[in-house]
Amino acid sequence: MIAGKDKGKSGLIYRVFPKRDLVIVSGLNMLKKHHRPRKSGEKGQIIDKAMPIHASNVMIIDSESKKPTRVGRKLVGGRLIRISRKSGREV
């Protein structure tokens, strides 16, 4: 993440909402959610839930330098591939 309360931390993206430009990153941007008991005798609980963050606030980690990098595109063999701007390697 490059912005927000978890700036500088990293995690895996496990859900993407392309129409709204949002992503959910595992373990980051957590929110405490209160659940009330559904049945009699059951206890209420507080659970941590990962909330979406705008896609512009996350970056891909470069596999070579282990730092955030921008993504570019390069034409190779008639098709576009994504490359890391820092190292020039394929993402």
C-alpha atoms as a PDB file:
ATOM      1  CA  MET A   1       0.000   0.000   0.000  1.00  0.00           C
ATOM      2  CA  ILE A   2       1.240   3.461  -0.794  1.00  0.00           C
ATOM      3  CA  ALA A   3      -1.472   5.395   1.063  1.00  0.00           C
ATOM      4  CA  GLY A   4      -3.888   5.048   3.956  1.00  0.00           C
ATOM      5  CA  LYS A   5      -3.525   3.850   7.520  1.00  0.00           C
ATOM      6  CA  ASP A   6      -1.529   0.767   6.439  1.00  0.00           C
ATOM      7  CA  LYS A   7       0.968   2.678   4.268  1.00  0.00           C
ATOM      8  CA  GLY A   8       4.165   0.704   3.635  1.00  0.00           C
ATOM      9  CA  LYS A   9       2.639  -2.704   4.385  1.00  0.00           C
ATOM     10  CA  SER A  10       2.084  -5.416   1.802  1.00  0.00           C
ATOM     11  CA  GLY A  11      -0.339  -8.273   1.272  1.00  0.00           C
ATOM     12  CA  LEU A  12      -2.056 -10.313  -1.406  1.00  0.00           C
ATOM     13  CA  ILE A  13      -4.971  -8.927  -3.391  1.00  0.00           C
ATOM     14  CA  TYR A  14      -7.808 -11.423  -3.142  1.00  0.00           C
ATOM     15  CA  ARG A  15     -10.766  -9.496  -4.568  1.00  0.00           C
ATOM     16  CA  VAL A  16     -11.036  -6.856  -7.291  1.00  0.00           C
ATOM     17  CA  PHE A  17     -13.990  -4.615  -8.157  1.00  0.00           C
ATOM     18  CA  PRO A  18     -13.015  -3.240 -11.607  1.00  0.00           C
ATOM     19  CA  LYS A  19     -16.136  -1.123 -12.192  1.00  0.00           C
ATOM     20  CA  ARG A  20     -15.540   0.811  -8.973  1.00  0.00           C
ATOM     21  CA  ASP A  21     -11.682   0.693  -9.099  1.00  0.00           C
ATOM     22  CA  LEU A  22     -11.478  -0.984  -5.686  1.00  0.00           C
ATOM     23  CA  VAL A  23      -9.349  -3.864  -4.389  1.00  0.00           C
ATOM     24  CA  ILE A  24      -9.339  -5.848  -1.151  1.00  0.00           C
ATOM     25  CA  VAL A  25      -5.887  -6.686   0.209  1.00  0.00           C
ATOM     26  CA  SER A  26      -5.658  -9.509   2.741  1.00  0.00           C
ATOM     27  CA  GLY A  27      -4.763  -8.309   6.231  1.00  0.00           C
ATOM     28  CA  LEU A  28      -4.820  -4.593   5.356  1.00  0.00           C
ATOM     29  CA  ASN A  29      -7.428  -1.845   5.824  1.00  0.00           C
ATOM     30  CA  MET A  30      -9.105  -3.913   8.541  1.00  0.00           C
ATOM     31  CA  LEU A  31     -12.353  -2.857  10.213  1.00  0.00           C
ATOM     32  CA  LYS A  32     -13.885  -4.238  13.396  1.00  0.00           C
ATOM     33  CA  LYS A  33     -17.383  -5.566  12.682  1.00  0.00           C
ATOM     34  CA  HIS A  34     -19.813  -6.261  15.532  1.00  0.00           C
ATOM     35  CA  HIS A  35     -22.014  -9.324  15.070  1.00  0.00           C
ATOM     36  CA  ARG A  36     -25.024  -9.747  17.265  1.00  0.00           C
ATOM     37  CA  PRO A  37     -26.148 -13.184  18.439  1.00  0.00           C
ATOM     38  CA  ARG A  38     -28.547 -14.914  16.041  1.00  0.00           C
ATOM     39  CA  LYS A  39     -29.808 -17.734  18.280  1.00  0.00           C
ATOM     40  CA  SER A  40     -30.589 -17.785  21.970  1.00  0.00           C
ATOM     41  CA  GLY A  41     -27.553 -18.824  24.001  1.00  0.00           C
ATOM     42  CA  GLU A  42     -25.151 -17.699  21.261  1.00  0.00           C
ATOM     43  CA  LYS A  43     -22.689 -14.928  22.053  1.00  0.00           C
ATOM     44  CA  GLY A  44     -22.104 -11.809  20.020  1.00  0.00           C
ATOM     45  CA  GLN A  45     -18.638 -11.297  18.633  1.00  0.00           C
ATOM     46  CA  ILE A  46     -16.327  -8.739  17.111  1.00  0.00           C
ATOM     47  CA  ILE A  47     -14.603  -9.837  13.913  1.00  0.00           C
ATOM     48  CA  ASP A  48     -11.958  -8.138  11.764  1.00  0.00           C
ATOM     49  CA  LYS A  49     -13.009  -7.574   8.170  1.00  0.00           C
ATOM     50  CA  ALA A  50     -10.792  -6.386   5.282  1.00  0.00           C
ATOM     51  CA  MET A  51     -12.395  -3.412   3.577  1.00  0.00           C
ATOM     52  CA  PRO A  52     -11.859  -2.259  -0.035  1.00  0.00           C
ATOM     53  CA  ILE A  53      -9.346   0.434  -0.906  1.00  0.00           C
ATOM     54  CA  HIS A  54      -9.011   2.388  -4.144  1.00  0.00           C
ATOM     55  CA  ALA A  55      -6.752   0.719  -6.695  1.00  0.00           C
ATOM     56  CA  SER A  56      -4.604   3.855  -7.029  1.00  0.00           C
ATOM     57  CA  ASN A  57      -3.432   3.381  -3.424  1.00  0.00           C
ATOM     58  CA  VAL A  58      -1.735   0.032  -4.080  1.00  0.00           C
ATOM     59  CA  MET A  59       1.300  -0.900  -6.172  1.00  0.00           C
ATOM     60  CA  ILE A  60       2.885  -4.121  -7.376  1.00  0.00           C
ATOM     61  CA  ILE A  61       6.053  -5.245  -5.588  1.00  0.00           C
ATOM     62  CA  ASP A  62       9.043  -5.742  -7.897  1.00  0.00           C
ATOM     63  CA  SER A  63      10.337  -9.308  -7.551  1.00  0.00           C
ATOM     64  CA  GLU A  64      13.964  -8.235  -7.963  1.00  0.00           C
ATOM     65  CA  SER A  65      14.254  -5.192  -5.676  1.00  0.00           C
ATOM     66  CA  LYS A  66      11.317  -6.015  -3.316  1.00  0.00           C
ATOM     67  CA  LYS A  67      10.103  -2.405  -3.629  1.00  0.00           C
ATOM     68  CA  PRO A  68       6.873  -0.932  -5.069  1.00  0.00           C
ATOM     69  CA  THR A  69       7.036  -0.336  -8.809  1.00  0.00           C
ATOM     70  CA  ARG A  70       4.912   1.012 -11.591  1.00  0.00           C
ATOM     71  CA  VAL A  71       3.769  -1.289 -14.383  1.00  0.00           C
ATOM     72  CA  GLY A  72       4.452  -0.696 -18.067  1.00  0.00           C
ATOM     73  CA  ARG A  73       3.610  -2.590 -21.255  1.00  0.00           C
ATOM     74  CA  LYS A  74       5.956  -3.874 -23.922  1.00  0.00           C
ATOM     75  CA  LEU A  75       5.284  -5.445 -27.309  1.00  0.00           C
ATOM     76  CA  VAL A  76       6.965  -8.859 -27.551  1.00  0.00           C
ATOM     77  CA  GLY A  77       6.230 -11.245 -30.377  1.00  0.00           C
ATOM     78  CA  GLY A  78       3.038  -9.496 -31.447  1.00  0.00           C
ATOM     79  CA  ARG A  79       1.485  -9.395 -27.971  1.00  0.00           C
ATOM     80  CA  LEU A  80       1.655  -6.974 -25.072  1.00  0.00           C
ATOM     81  CA  ILE A  81       3.226  -8.096 -21.813  1.00  0.00           C
ATOM     82  CA  ARG A  82       3.336  -6.254 -18.494  1.00  0.00           C
ATOM     83  CA  ILE A  83       6.773  -5.218 -17.263  1.00  0.00           C
ATOM     84  CA  SER A  84       8.165  -3.699 -14.077  1.00  0.00           C
ATOM     85  CA  ARG A  85       9.360  -0.120 -14.587  1.00  0.00           C
ATOM     86  CA  LYS A  86      12.175  -0.486 -12.014  1.00  0.00           C
ATOM     87  CA  SER A  87      13.821  -3.660 -13.311  1.00  0.00           C
ATOM     88  CA  GLY A  88      12.301  -4.066 -16.792  1.00  0.00           C
ATOM     89  CA  ARG A  89      11.381  -7.679 -16.075  1.00  0.00           C
ATOM     90  CA  GLU A  90       8.054  -9.307 -16.888  1.00  0.00           C
ATOM     91  CA  VAL A  91       5.462  -9.120 -14.100  1.00  0.00           C
END
